[in-house]
PDB file of N, CA and C in Angstrom:
ATOM      1  N   UNK A   1     105.037 127.413 124.657  1.00  0.00           N
ATOM      2  CA  UNK A   1     106.414 127.490 125.100  1.00  0.00           C
ATOM      3  C   UNK A   1     107.380 127.584 123.916  1.00  0.00           C
ATOM      4  N   UNK A   2     106.978 127.079 122.771  1.00  0.00           N
ATOM      5  CA  UNK A   2     107.841 127.155 121.580  1.00  0.00           C
ATOM      6  C   UNK A   2     108.185 128.606 121.264  1.00  0.00           C
ATOM      7  N   UNK A   3     107.194 129.480 121.412  1.00  0.00           N
ATOM      8  CA  UNK A   3     107.421 130.901 121.162  1.00  0.00           C
ATOM      9  C   UNK A   3     108.455 131.465 122.135  1.00  0.00           C
ATOM     10  N   UNK A   4     108.340 131.086 123.413  1.00  0.00           N
ATOM     11  CA  UNK A   4     109.275 131.574 124.428  1.00  0.00           C
ATOM     12  C   UNK A   4     110.690 131.065 124.137  1.00  0.00           C
ATOM     13  N   UNK A   5     110.810 129.827 123.698  1.00  0.00           N
ATOM     14  CA  UNK A   5     112.121 129.259 123.352  1.00  0.00           C
ATOM     15  C   UNK A   5     112.767 130.097 122.251  1.00  0.00           C
ATOM     16  N   UNK A   6     111.994 130.440 121.231  1.00  0.00           N
ATOM     17  CA  UNK A   6     112.538 131.243 120.127  1.00  0.00           C
ATOM     18  C   UNK A   6     112.930 132.639 120.605  1.00  0.00           C
ATOM     19  N   UNK A   7     112.116 133.244 121.486  1.00  0.00           N
ATOM     20  CA  UNK A   7     112.453 134.560 122.052  1.00  0.00           C
ATOM     21  C   UNK A   7     113.785 134.495 122.793  1.00  0.00           C
ATOM     22  N   UNK A   8     113.957 133.447 123.585  1.00  0.00           N
ATOM     23  CA  UNK A   8     115.174 133.324 124.386  1.00  0.00           C
ATOM     24  C   UNK A   8     116.394 133.075 123.498  1.00  0.00           C
ATOM     25  N   UNK A   9     116.226 132.304 122.451  1.00  0.00           N
ATOM     26  CA  UNK A   9     117.339 132.116 121.506  1.00  0.00           C
ATOM     27  C   UNK A   9     117.777 133.460 120.943  1.00  0.00           C
ATOM     28  N   UNK A  10     116.810 134.279 120.534  1.00  0.00           N
ATOM     29  CA  UNK A  10     117.138 135.602 119.986  1.00  0.00           C
ATOM     30  C   UNK A  10     117.763 136.500 121.046  1.00  0.00           C
ATOM     31  N   UNK A  11     117.274 136.397 122.276  1.00  0.00           N
ATOM     32  CA  UNK A  11     117.834 137.195 123.365  1.00  0.00           C
ATOM     33  C   UNK A  11     119.283 136.802 123.643  1.00  0.00           C
ATOM     34  N   UNK A  12     119.572 135.518 123.628  1.00  0.00           N
ATOM     35  CA  UNK A  12     120.947 135.047 123.839  1.00  0.00           C
ATOM     36  C   UNK A  12     121.863 135.650 122.782  1.00  0.00           C
ATOM     37  N   UNK A  13     121.437 135.594 121.552  1.00  0.00           N
ATOM     38  CA  UNK A  13     122.262 136.115 120.454  1.00  0.00           C
ATOM     39  C   UNK A  13     122.470 137.619 120.585  1.00  0.00           C
ATOM     40  N   UNK A  14     121.407 138.360 120.861  1.00  0.00           N
ATOM     41  CA  UNK A  14     121.545 139.818 120.933  1.00  0.00           C
ATOM     42  C   UNK A  14     122.258 140.271 122.205  1.00  0.00           C
ATOM     43  N   UNK A  15     121.939 139.672 123.350  1.00  0.00           N
ATOM     44  CA  UNK A  15     122.544 140.102 124.611  1.00  0.00           C
ATOM     45  C   UNK A  15     124.040 139.804 124.658  1.00  0.00           C
ATOM     46  N   UNK A  16     124.446 138.734 123.992  1.00  0.00           N
ATOM     47  CA  UNK A  16     125.859 138.328 124.045  1.00  0.00           C
ATOM     48  C   UNK A  16     126.617 138.649 122.759  1.00  0.00           C
ATOM     49  N   UNK A  17     125.964 139.347 121.847  1.00  0.00           N
ATOM     50  CA  UNK A  17     126.584 139.743 120.578  1.00  0.00           C
ATOM     51  C   UNK A  17     127.221 138.566 119.844  1.00  0.00           C
ATOM     52  N   UNK A  18     126.463 137.489 119.713  1.00  0.00           N
ATOM     53  CA  UNK A  18     126.944 136.297 119.014  1.00  0.00           C
ATOM     54  C   UNK A  18     126.689 136.475 117.524  1.00  0.00           C
ATOM     55  N   UNK A  19     127.676 136.934 116.811  1.00  0.00           N
ATOM     56  CA  UNK A  19     127.522 137.318 115.409  1.00  0.00           C
ATOM     57  C   UNK A  19     127.403 136.141 114.450  1.00  0.00           C
ATOM     58  N   UNK A  20     128.050 135.037 114.739  1.00  0.00           N
ATOM     59  CA  UNK A  20     128.076 133.918 113.801  1.00  0.00           C
ATOM     60  C   UNK A  20     127.039 132.839 114.108  1.00  0.00           C
ATOM     61  N   UNK A  21     126.074 133.159 114.962  1.00  0.00           N
ATOM     62  CA  UNK A  21     125.065 132.178 115.367  1.00  0.00           C
ATOM     63  C   UNK A  21     123.679 132.701 115.043  1.00  0.00           C
ATOM     64  N   UNK A  22     122.818 131.813 114.533  1.00  0.00           N
ATOM     65  CA  UNK A  22     121.414 132.151 114.285  1.00  0.00           C
ATOM     66  C   UNK A  22     120.561 131.355 115.268  1.00  0.00           C
ATOM     67  N   UNK A  23     119.310 131.754 115.484  1.00  0.00           N
ATOM     68  CA  UNK A  23     118.455 130.995 116.396  1.00  0.00           C
ATOM     69  C   UNK A  23     118.359 129.516 116.029  1.00  0.00           C
ATOM     70  N   UNK A  24     118.375 129.199 114.755  1.00  0.00           N
ATOM     71  CA  UNK A  24     118.273 127.788 114.353  1.00  0.00           C
ATOM     72  C   UNK A  24     119.532 126.992 114.715  1.00  0.00           C
ATOM     73  N   UNK A  25     120.639 127.679 114.989  1.00  0.00           N
ATOM     74  CA  UNK A  25     121.869 127.001 115.406  1.00  0.00           C
ATOM     75  C   UNK A  25     121.819 126.553 116.871  1.00  0.00           C
ATOM     76  N   UNK A  26     120.870 127.087 117.626  1.00  0.00           N
ATOM     77  CA  UNK A  26     120.779 126.801 119.057  1.00  0.00           C
ATOM     78  C   UNK A  26     119.713 125.727 119.279  1.00  0.00           C
ATOM     79  N   UNK A  27     120.158 124.551 119.700  1.00  0.00           N
ATOM     80  CA  UNK A  27     119.224 123.455 119.991  1.00  0.00           C
ATOM     81  C   UNK A  27     118.600 123.691 121.371  1.00  0.00           C
ATOM     82  N   UNK A  28     117.276 123.640 121.471  1.00  0.00           N
ATOM     83  CA  UNK A  28     116.602 123.957 122.730  1.00  0.00           C
ATOM     84  C   UNK A  28     116.971 123.062 123.909  1.00  0.00           C
ATOM     85  N   UNK A  29     117.372 121.829 123.646  1.00  0.00           N
ATOM     86  CA  UNK A  29     117.660 120.908 124.747  1.00  0.00           C
ATOM     87  C   UNK A  29     119.148 120.707 125.005  1.00  0.00           C
ATOM     88  N   UNK A  30     119.989 121.290 124.190  1.00  0.00           N
ATOM     89  CA  UNK A  30     121.446 121.158 124.377  1.00  0.00           C
ATOM     90  C   UNK A  30     121.918 122.169 125.426  1.00  0.00           C
ATOM     91  N   UNK A  31     123.038 121.877 126.088  1.00  0.00           N
ATOM     92  CA  UNK A  31     123.570 122.808 127.097  1.00  0.00           C
ATOM     93  C   UNK A  31     123.888 124.181 126.495  1.00  0.00           C
ATOM     94  N   UNK A  32     123.607 125.208 127.274  1.00  0.00           N
ATOM     95  CA  UNK A  32     123.932 126.573 126.842  1.00  0.00           C
ATOM     96  C   UNK A  32     125.418 126.840 127.088  1.00  0.00           C
ATOM     97  N   UNK A  33     125.917 126.333 128.200  1.00  0.00           N
ATOM     98  CA  UNK A  33     127.301 126.607 128.597  1.00  0.00           C
ATOM     99  C   UNK A  33     128.182 125.396 128.340  1.00  0.00           C
ATOM    100  N   UNK A  34     129.493 125.632 128.369  1.00  0.00           N
ATOM    101  CA  UNK A  34     130.438 124.543 128.160  1.00  0.00           C
ATOM    102  C   UNK A  34     130.361 124.001 126.745  1.00  0.00           C
ATOM    103  N   UNK A  35     130.084 122.715 126.612  1.00  0.00           N
ATOM    104  CA  UNK A  35     130.093 122.063 125.303  1.00  0.00           C
ATOM    105  C   UNK A  35     128.995 122.553 124.361  1.00  0.00           C
ATOM    106  N   UNK A  36     127.938 123.139 124.884  1.00  0.00           N
ATOM    107  CA  UNK A  36     126.850 123.631 124.038  1.00  0.00           C
ATOM    108  C   UNK A  36     127.296 124.797 123.176  1.00  0.00           C
ATOM    109  N   UNK A  37     126.983 125.999 123.606  1.00  0.00           N
ATOM    110  CA  UNK A  37     127.373 127.204 122.874  1.00  0.00           C
ATOM    111  C   UNK A  37     128.764 127.685 123.264  1.00  0.00           C
ATOM    112  N   UNK A  38     129.339 127.061 124.260  1.00  0.00           N
ATOM    113  CA  UNK A  38     130.676 127.453 124.691  1.00  0.00           C
ATOM    114  C   UNK A  38     130.698 128.743 125.484  1.00  0.00           C
ATOM    115  N   UNK A  39     129.581 129.084 126.108  1.00  0.00           N
ATOM    116  CA  UNK A  39     129.518 130.310 126.890  1.00  0.00           C
ATOM    117  C   UNK A  39     130.204 130.110 128.235  1.00  0.00           C
ATOM    118  N   UNK A  40     130.645 131.220 128.838  1.00  0.00           N
ATOM    119  CA  UNK A  40     131.352 131.143 130.111  1.00  0.00           C
ATOM    120  C   UNK A  40     130.586 131.875 131.212  1.00  0.00           C
ATOM    121  N   UNK A  41     131.197 132.033 132.367  1.00  0.00           N
ATOM    122  CA  UNK A  41     130.519 132.629 133.520  1.00  0.00           C
ATOM    123  C   UNK A  41     130.177 134.104 133.307  1.00  0.00           C
ATOM    124  N   UNK A  42     130.986 134.817 132.579  1.00  0.00           N
ATOM    125  CA  UNK A  42     130.666 136.222 132.280  1.00  0.00           C
ATOM    126  C   UNK A  42     129.446 136.284 131.376  1.00  0.00           C
ATOM    127  N   UNK A  43     129.382 135.381 130.399  1.00  0.00           N
ATOM    128  CA  UNK A  43     128.200 135.298 129.544  1.00  0.00           C
ATOM    129  C   UNK A  43     126.962 134.976 130.375  1.00  0.00           C
ATOM    130  N   UNK A  44     127.123 134.106 131.364  1.00  0.00           N
ATOM    131  CA  UNK A  44     126.008 133.731 132.236  1.00  0.00           C
ATOM    132  C   UNK A  44     125.477 134.950 132.978  1.00  0.00           C
ATOM    133  N   UNK A  45     126.375 135.765 133.479  1.00  0.00           N
ATOM    134  CA  UNK A  45     125.976 136.981 134.188  1.00  0.00           C
ATOM    135  C   UNK A  45     125.231 137.923 133.256  1.00  0.00           C
ATOM    136  N   UNK A  46     125.777 138.162 132.068  1.00  0.00           N
ATOM    137  CA  UNK A  46     125.128 139.045 131.098  1.00  0.00           C
ATOM    138  C   UNK A  46     123.763 138.506 130.678  1.00  0.00           C
ATOM    139  N   UNK A  47     123.686 137.198 130.467  1.00  0.00           N
ATOM    140  CA  UNK A  47     122.419 136.595 130.072  1.00  0.00           C
ATOM    141  C   UNK A  47     121.403 136.680 131.203  1.00  0.00           C
ATOM    142  N   UNK A  48     121.845 136.457 132.426  1.00  0.00           N
ATOM    143  CA  UNK A  48     120.948 136.573 133.582  1.00  0.00           C
ATOM    144  C   UNK A  48     120.368 137.971 133.703  1.00  0.00           C
ATOM    145  N   UNK A  49     121.196 138.979 133.495  1.00  0.00           N
ATOM    146  CA  UNK A  49     120.730 140.371 133.541  1.00  0.00           C
ATOM    147  C   UNK A  49     119.722 140.628 132.422  1.00  0.00           C
ATOM    148  N   UNK A  50     120.026 140.144 131.227  1.00  0.00           N
ATOM    149  CA  UNK A  50     119.116 140.338 130.087  1.00  0.00           C
ATOM    150  C   UNK A  50     117.772 139.655 130.326  1.00  0.00           C
ATOM    151  N   UNK A  51     117.791 138.451 130.885  1.00  0.00           N
ATOM    152  CA  UNK A  51     116.551 137.718 131.185  1.00  0.00           C
ATOM    153  C   UNK A  51     115.738 138.484 132.234  1.00  0.00           C
ATOM    154  N   UNK A  52     116.416 138.947 133.272  1.00  0.00           N
ATOM    155  CA  UNK A  52     115.736 139.698 134.338  1.00  0.00           C
ATOM    156  C   UNK A  52     115.093 140.969 133.807  1.00  0.00           C
ATOM    157  N   UNK A  53     115.817 141.701 132.963  1.00  0.00           N
ATOM    158  CA  UNK A  53     115.285 142.942 132.405  1.00  0.00           C
ATOM    159  C   UNK A  53     114.113 142.693 131.462  1.00  0.00           C
ATOM    160  N   UNK A  54     114.261 141.724 130.566  1.00  0.00           N
ATOM    161  CA  UNK A  54     113.226 141.484 129.562  1.00  0.00           C
ATOM    162  C   UNK A  54     111.945 140.934 130.167  1.00  0.00           C
ATOM    163  N   UNK A  55     112.077 139.992 131.097  1.00  0.00           N
ATOM    164  CA  UNK A  55     110.901 139.305 131.613  1.00  0.00           C
ATOM    165  C   UNK A  55     110.507 139.723 133.022  1.00  0.00           C
ATOM    166  N   UNK A  56     111.318 140.543 133.671  1.00  0.00           N
ATOM    167  CA  UNK A  56     111.001 141.012 135.013  1.00  0.00           C
ATOM    168  C   UNK A  56     111.030 139.900 136.052  1.00  0.00           C
ATOM    169  N   UNK A  57     111.872 138.907 135.839  1.00  0.00           N
ATOM    170  CA  UNK A  57     111.974 137.800 136.786  1.00  0.00           C
ATOM    171  C   UNK A  57     113.207 137.963 137.649  1.00  0.00           C
ATOM    172  N   UNK A  58     113.123 137.431 138.845  1.00  0.00           N
ATOM    173  CA  UNK A  58     114.268 137.461 139.752  1.00  0.00           C
ATOM    174  C   UNK A  58     114.873 136.069 139.773  1.00  0.00           C
ATOM    175  N   UNK A  59     116.151 136.002 139.482  1.00  0.00           N
ATOM    176  CA  UNK A  59     116.856 134.724 139.490  1.00  0.00           C
ATOM    177  C   UNK A  59     117.264 134.380 140.919  1.00  0.00           C
ATOM    178  N   UNK A  60     117.205 133.102 141.270  1.00  0.00           N
ATOM    179  CA  UNK A  60     117.578 132.708 142.635  1.00  0.00           C
ATOM    180  C   UNK A  60     119.064 132.950 142.907  1.00  0.00           C
ATOM    181  N   UNK A  61     119.390 133.124 144.177  1.00  0.00           N
ATOM    182  CA  UNK A  61     120.791 133.328 144.567  1.00  0.00           C
ATOM    183  C   UNK A  61     121.545 132.004 144.624  1.00  0.00           C
ATOM    184  N   UNK A  62     120.828 130.904 144.671  1.00  0.00           N
ATOM    185  CA  UNK A  62     121.419 129.571 144.780  1.00  0.00           C
ATOM    186  C   UNK A  62     122.075 129.166 143.462  1.00  0.00           C
ATOM    187  N   UNK A  63     123.394 128.917 143.508  1.00  0.00           N
ATOM    188  CA  UNK A  63     124.147 128.578 142.298  1.00  0.00           C
ATOM    189  C   UNK A  63     123.645 127.291 141.648  1.00  0.00           C
ATOM    190  N   UNK A  64     123.364 126.265 142.452  1.00  0.00           N
ATOM    191  CA  UNK A  64     122.908 124.996 141.874  1.00  0.00           C
ATOM    192  C   UNK A  64     121.536 125.146 141.215  1.00  0.00           C
ATOM    193  N   UNK A  65     120.692 125.978 141.776  1.00  0.00           N
ATOM    194  CA  UNK A  65     119.374 126.231 141.173  1.00  0.00           C
ATOM    195  C   UNK A  65     119.541 126.952 139.831  1.00  0.00           C
ATOM    196  N   UNK A  66     120.437 127.921 139.782  1.00  0.00           N
ATOM    197  CA  UNK A  66     120.695 128.636 138.528  1.00  0.00           C
ATOM    198  C   UNK A  66     121.291 127.713 137.473  1.00  0.00           C
ATOM    199  N   UNK A  67     122.107 126.763 137.887  1.00  0.00           N
ATOM    200  CA  UNK A  67     122.667 125.804 136.928  1.00  0.00           C
ATOM    201  C   UNK A  67     121.558 124.982 136.294  1.00  0.00           C
ATOM    202  N   UNK A  68     120.543 124.644 137.073  1.00  0.00           N
ATOM    203  CA  UNK A  68     119.390 123.911 136.529  1.00  0.00           C
ATOM    204  C   UNK A  68     118.594 124.796 135.571  1.00  0.00           C
ATOM    205  N   UNK A  69     118.368 126.040 135.965  1.00  0.00           N
ATOM    206  CA  UNK A  69     117.589 126.971 135.147  1.00  0.00           C
ATOM    207  C   UNK A  69     118.289 127.231 133.817  1.00  0.00           C
ATOM    208  N   UNK A  70     119.598 127.432 133.848  1.00  0.00           N
ATOM    209  CA  UNK A  70     120.369 127.766 132.656  1.00  0.00           C
ATOM    210  C   UNK A  70     120.967 126.540 131.963  1.00  0.00           C
ATOM    211  N   UNK A  71     120.458 125.368 132.262  1.00  0.00           N
ATOM    212  CA  UNK A  71     120.984 124.146 131.655  1.00  0.00           C
ATOM    213  C   UNK A  71     120.789 124.134 130.146  1.00  0.00           C
ATOM    214  N   UNK A  72     119.657 124.636 129.683  1.00  0.00           N
ATOM    215  CA  UNK A  72     119.351 124.669 128.248  1.00  0.00           C
ATOM    216  C   UNK A  72     118.362 125.795 127.992  1.00  0.00           C
ATOM    217  N   UNK A  73     118.140 126.086 126.737  1.00  0.00           N
ATOM    218  CA  UNK A  73     117.155 127.110 126.381  1.00  0.00           C
ATOM    219  C   UNK A  73     115.767 126.664 126.862  1.00  0.00           C
ATOM    220  N   UNK A  74     115.492 125.383 126.749  1.00  0.00           N
ATOM    221  CA  UNK A  74     114.196 124.854 127.167  1.00  0.00           C
ATOM    222  C   UNK A  74     113.967 125.029 128.674  1.00  0.00           C
ATOM    223  N   UNK A  75     114.968 124.720 129.499  1.00  0.00           N
ATOM    224  CA  UNK A  75     114.798 124.886 130.941  1.00  0.00           C
ATOM    225  C   UNK A  75     114.702 126.361 131.315  1.00  0.00           C
ATOM    226  N   UNK A  76     115.381 127.201 130.594  1.00  0.00           N
ATOM    227  CA  UNK A  76     115.290 128.638 130.824  1.00  0.00           C
ATOM    228  C   UNK A  76     113.898 129.151 130.462  1.00  0.00           C
ATOM    229  N   UNK A  77     113.356 128.688 129.349  1.00  0.00           N
ATOM    230  CA  UNK A  77     111.997 129.074 128.931  1.00  0.00           C
ATOM    231  C   UNK A  77     110.959 128.598 129.958  1.00  0.00           C
ATOM    232  N   UNK A  78     111.129 127.390 130.468  1.00  0.00           N
ATOM    233  CA  UNK A  78     110.211 126.872 131.493  1.00  0.00           C
ATOM    234  C   UNK A  78     110.249 127.744 132.745  1.00  0.00           C
ATOM    235  N   UNK A  79     111.454 128.143 133.164  1.00  0.00           N
ATOM    236  CA  UNK A  79     111.588 129.008 134.331  1.00  0.00           C
ATOM    237  C   UNK A  79     110.873 130.340 134.108  1.00  0.00           C
ATOM    238  N   UNK A  80     111.107 130.963 132.957  1.00  0.00           N
ATOM    239  CA  UNK A  80     110.492 132.249 132.650  1.00  0.00           C
ATOM    240  C   UNK A  80     108.964 132.104 132.624  1.00  0.00           C
ATOM    241  N   UNK A  81     108.464 131.057 131.997  1.00  0.00           N
ATOM    242  CA  UNK A  81     107.013 130.847 131.928  1.00  0.00           C
ATOM    243  C   UNK A  81     106.413 130.654 133.314  1.00  0.00           C
ATOM    244  N   UNK A  82     107.119 129.963 134.178  1.00  0.00           N
ATOM    245  CA  UNK A  82     106.627 129.704 135.534  1.00  0.00           C
ATOM    246  C   UNK A  82     106.706 130.978 136.390  1.00  0.00           C
ATOM    247  N   UNK A  83     107.751 131.763 136.198  1.00  0.00           N
ATOM    248  CA  UNK A  83     107.988 132.941 137.029  1.00  0.00           C
ATOM    249  C   UNK A  83     107.185 134.166 136.610  1.00  0.00           C
ATOM    250  N   UNK A  84     106.632 134.153 135.405  1.00  0.00           N
ATOM    251  CA  UNK A  84     105.886 135.347 134.958  1.00  0.00           C
ATOM    252  C   UNK A  84     104.405 135.120 135.001  1.00  0.00           C
TER     253      UNK A  84
END
């Protein structure tokens, strides 16, 4: 799963064009949105599309379920590993 976490960190940076952030700046267990990386709902949509395209996974329509999945890089990696 460590490998998947690193892949997702790189995907976040490239999909959202985060120029001043490196993968090592992203803590796997810290929140991705709000106080974490400071991403917003538009970033969430773009990231969801990038995750779906890269890994061929379908994200649930349930907002609360997506909040759990996108809580951190680690929870996102767990979802991708389980769904693929």
